[in-house]
Amino acid sequence: MAKETKITIETDSLLILRGRNSLRTWCPACTAESEMIALESVGVISNLDRPALEAWLNSGDLHRSLAADGSSLICLNSLLARVQNKKVS
């Protein structure tokens, strides 16, 4: 009698395109220069809904910084790490 094995593979992906909305600036949490995007732009590059984004911000998984105009910036390194379920210092 032949034995049957079923293998299921799940994958997630995140595509980040550099554009006019990103800027390279200091991330205090990474203690390094990083690409940052405006908080409002996160939905453009991710299918992340607003409640999930707020949860990630409140948990400290996403690094947040303030721009000169007072708007919130999100570190793309931390966003990518969170999507891949990794910790970033």
C-alpha atoms as a PDB file:
ATOM      1  CA  MET A   1       0.000   0.000   0.000  1.00  0.00           C
ATOM      2  CA  ALA A   2       1.443   3.388  -1.030  1.00  0.00           C
ATOM      3  CA  LYS A   3       1.811   6.097   1.573  1.00  0.00           C
ATOM      4  CA  GLU A   4       0.536   9.582   0.697  1.00  0.00           C
ATOM      5  CA  THR A   5       2.173  12.727   2.087  1.00  0.00           C
ATOM      6  CA  LYS A   6       0.636  16.162   1.703  1.00  0.00           C
ATOM      7  CA  ILE A   7       2.886  19.218   2.075  1.00  0.00           C
ATOM      8  CA  THR A   8       1.409  22.690   2.419  1.00  0.00           C
ATOM      9  CA  ILE A   9       3.635  25.740   2.075  1.00  0.00           C
ATOM     10  CA  GLU A  10       2.426  29.204   3.090  1.00  0.00           C
ATOM     11  CA  THR A  11       4.291  32.303   2.038  1.00  0.00           C
ATOM     12  CA  ASP A  12       3.929  36.014   2.649  1.00  0.00           C
ATOM     13  CA  SER A  13       5.614  38.781   0.764  1.00  0.00           C
ATOM     14  CA  LEU A  14       6.113  42.492   1.128  1.00  0.00           C
ATOM     15  CA  LEU A  15       7.146  44.684  -1.750  1.00  0.00           C
ATOM     16  CA  ILE A  16       8.652  48.005  -0.805  1.00  0.00           C
ATOM     17  CA  LEU A  17       9.326  50.465  -3.560  1.00  0.00           C
ATOM     18  CA  ARG A  18      11.439  53.498  -2.894  1.00  0.00           C
ATOM     19  CA  GLY A  19       9.742  56.595  -4.092  1.00  0.00           C
ATOM     20  CA  ARG A  20       9.198  60.217  -3.406  1.00  0.00           C
ATOM     21  CA  ASN A  21       7.455  59.476  -0.131  1.00  0.00           C
ATOM     22  CA  SER A  22      10.416  57.835   1.601  1.00  0.00           C
ATOM     23  CA  LEU A  23      13.368  59.583   3.113  1.00  0.00           C
ATOM     24  CA  ARG A  24      16.589  58.395   4.651  1.00  0.00           C
ATOM     25  CA  THR A  25      16.942  59.572   8.228  1.00  0.00           C
ATOM     26  CA  TRP A  26      18.102  58.457  11.678  1.00  0.00           C
ATOM     27  CA  CYS A  27      16.038  55.794  13.451  1.00  0.00           C
ATOM     28  CA  PRO A  28      16.638  56.117  17.199  1.00  0.00           C
ATOM     29  CA  ALA A  29      15.442  52.549  17.871  1.00  0.00           C
ATOM     30  CA  CYS A  30      17.744  51.008  15.231  1.00  0.00           C
ATOM     31  CA  THR A  31      20.511  53.478  16.148  1.00  0.00           C
ATOM     32  CA  ALA A  32      21.237  53.714  12.428  1.00  0.00           C
ATOM     33  CA  GLU A  33      20.201  55.555   9.315  1.00  0.00           C
ATOM     34  CA  SER A  34      17.100  53.996   7.779  1.00  0.00           C
ATOM     35  CA  GLU A  35      14.488  54.540   5.104  1.00  0.00           C
ATOM     36  CA  MET A  36      11.420  56.106   6.688  1.00  0.00           C
ATOM     37  CA  ILE A  37       7.940  56.646   5.328  1.00  0.00           C
ATOM     38  CA  ALA A  38       5.052  58.731   6.568  1.00  0.00           C
ATOM     39  CA  LEU A  39       2.607  56.858   8.766  1.00  0.00           C
ATOM     40  CA  GLU A  40      -0.160  57.627   6.269  1.00  0.00           C
ATOM     41  CA  SER A  41       1.814  55.854   3.513  1.00  0.00           C
ATOM     42  CA  VAL A  42       2.040  52.505   5.311  1.00  0.00           C
ATOM     43  CA  GLY A  43      -1.320  51.415   3.889  1.00  0.00           C
ATOM     44  CA  VAL A  44      -0.073  52.153   0.388  1.00  0.00           C
ATOM     45  CA  ILE A  45       2.766  49.609   0.611  1.00  0.00           C
ATOM     46  CA  SER A  46       1.041  47.061   2.811  1.00  0.00           C
ATOM     47  CA  ASN A  47      -2.359  45.458   3.013  1.00  0.00           C
ATOM     48  CA  LEU A  48      -2.189  46.068   6.760  1.00  0.00           C
ATOM     49  CA  ASP A  49      -5.431  47.415   8.173  1.00  0.00           C
ATOM     50  CA  ARG A  50      -5.490  50.354  10.597  1.00  0.00           C
ATOM     51  CA  PRO A  51      -6.228  48.337  13.805  1.00  0.00           C
ATOM     52  CA  ALA A  52      -3.316  45.962  13.103  1.00  0.00           C
ATOM     53  CA  LEU A  53      -1.019  48.906  12.389  1.00  0.00           C
ATOM     54  CA  GLU A  54      -2.026  50.562  15.678  1.00  0.00           C
ATOM     55  CA  ALA A  55      -1.386  47.295  17.546  1.00  0.00           C
ATOM     56  CA  TRP A  56       2.102  47.010  16.027  1.00  0.00           C
ATOM     57  CA  LEU A  57       2.854  50.643  16.894  1.00  0.00           C
ATOM     58  CA  ASN A  58       1.611  50.235  20.470  1.00  0.00           C
ATOM     59  CA  SER A  59       3.622  47.041  20.951  1.00  0.00           C
ATOM     60  CA  GLY A  60       6.825  48.811  19.924  1.00  0.00           C
ATOM     61  CA  ASP A  61       7.394  46.422  17.012  1.00  0.00           C
ATOM     62  CA  LEU A  62       7.379  49.349  14.583  1.00  0.00           C
ATOM     63  CA  HIS A  63       9.894  52.111  15.112  1.00  0.00           C
ATOM     64  CA  ARG A  64       8.323  55.550  15.039  1.00  0.00           C
ATOM     65  CA  SER A  65      10.061  58.879  14.685  1.00  0.00           C
ATOM     66  CA  LEU A  66       8.919  62.450  14.156  1.00  0.00           C
ATOM     67  CA  ALA A  67       9.642  64.461  11.030  1.00  0.00           C
ATOM     68  CA  ALA A  68      10.613  68.115  11.202  1.00  0.00           C
ATOM     69  CA  ASP A  69       6.989  69.056  10.457  1.00  0.00           C
ATOM     70  CA  GLY A  70       5.739  66.920  13.378  1.00  0.00           C
ATOM     71  CA  SER A  71       4.302  64.071  11.301  1.00  0.00           C
ATOM     72  CA  SER A  72       4.996  60.467  12.271  1.00  0.00           C
ATOM     73  CA  LEU A  73       7.532  58.429  10.312  1.00  0.00           C
ATOM     74  CA  ILE A  74       7.811  54.635  10.321  1.00  0.00           C
ATOM     75  CA  CYS A  75      11.136  52.816   9.923  1.00  0.00           C
ATOM     76  CA  LEU A  76      10.941  50.466   6.937  1.00  0.00           C
ATOM     77  CA  ASN A  77      13.487  48.105   8.545  1.00  0.00           C
ATOM     78  CA  SER A  78      11.150  47.551  11.491  1.00  0.00           C
ATOM     79  CA  LEU A  79       8.125  47.184   9.204  1.00  0.00           C
ATOM     80  CA  LEU A  80       9.877  44.547   7.128  1.00  0.00           C
ATOM     81  CA  ALA A  81      11.099  42.721  10.244  1.00  0.00           C
ATOM     82  CA  ARG A  82       7.589  42.757  11.766  1.00  0.00           C
ATOM     83  CA  VAL A  83       6.053  41.367   8.586  1.00  0.00           C
ATOM     84  CA  GLN A  84       8.678  38.618   8.619  1.00  0.00           C
ATOM     85  CA  ASN A  85       8.058  38.086  12.368  1.00  0.00           C
ATOM     86  CA  LYS A  86      11.598  38.981  13.385  1.00  0.00           C
ATOM     87  CA  LYS A  87      12.807  41.244  16.166  1.00  0.00           C
ATOM     88  CA  VAL A  88      14.758  44.394  15.361  1.00  0.00           C
ATOM     89  CA  SER A  89      16.816  46.122  18.044  1.00  0.00           C
END
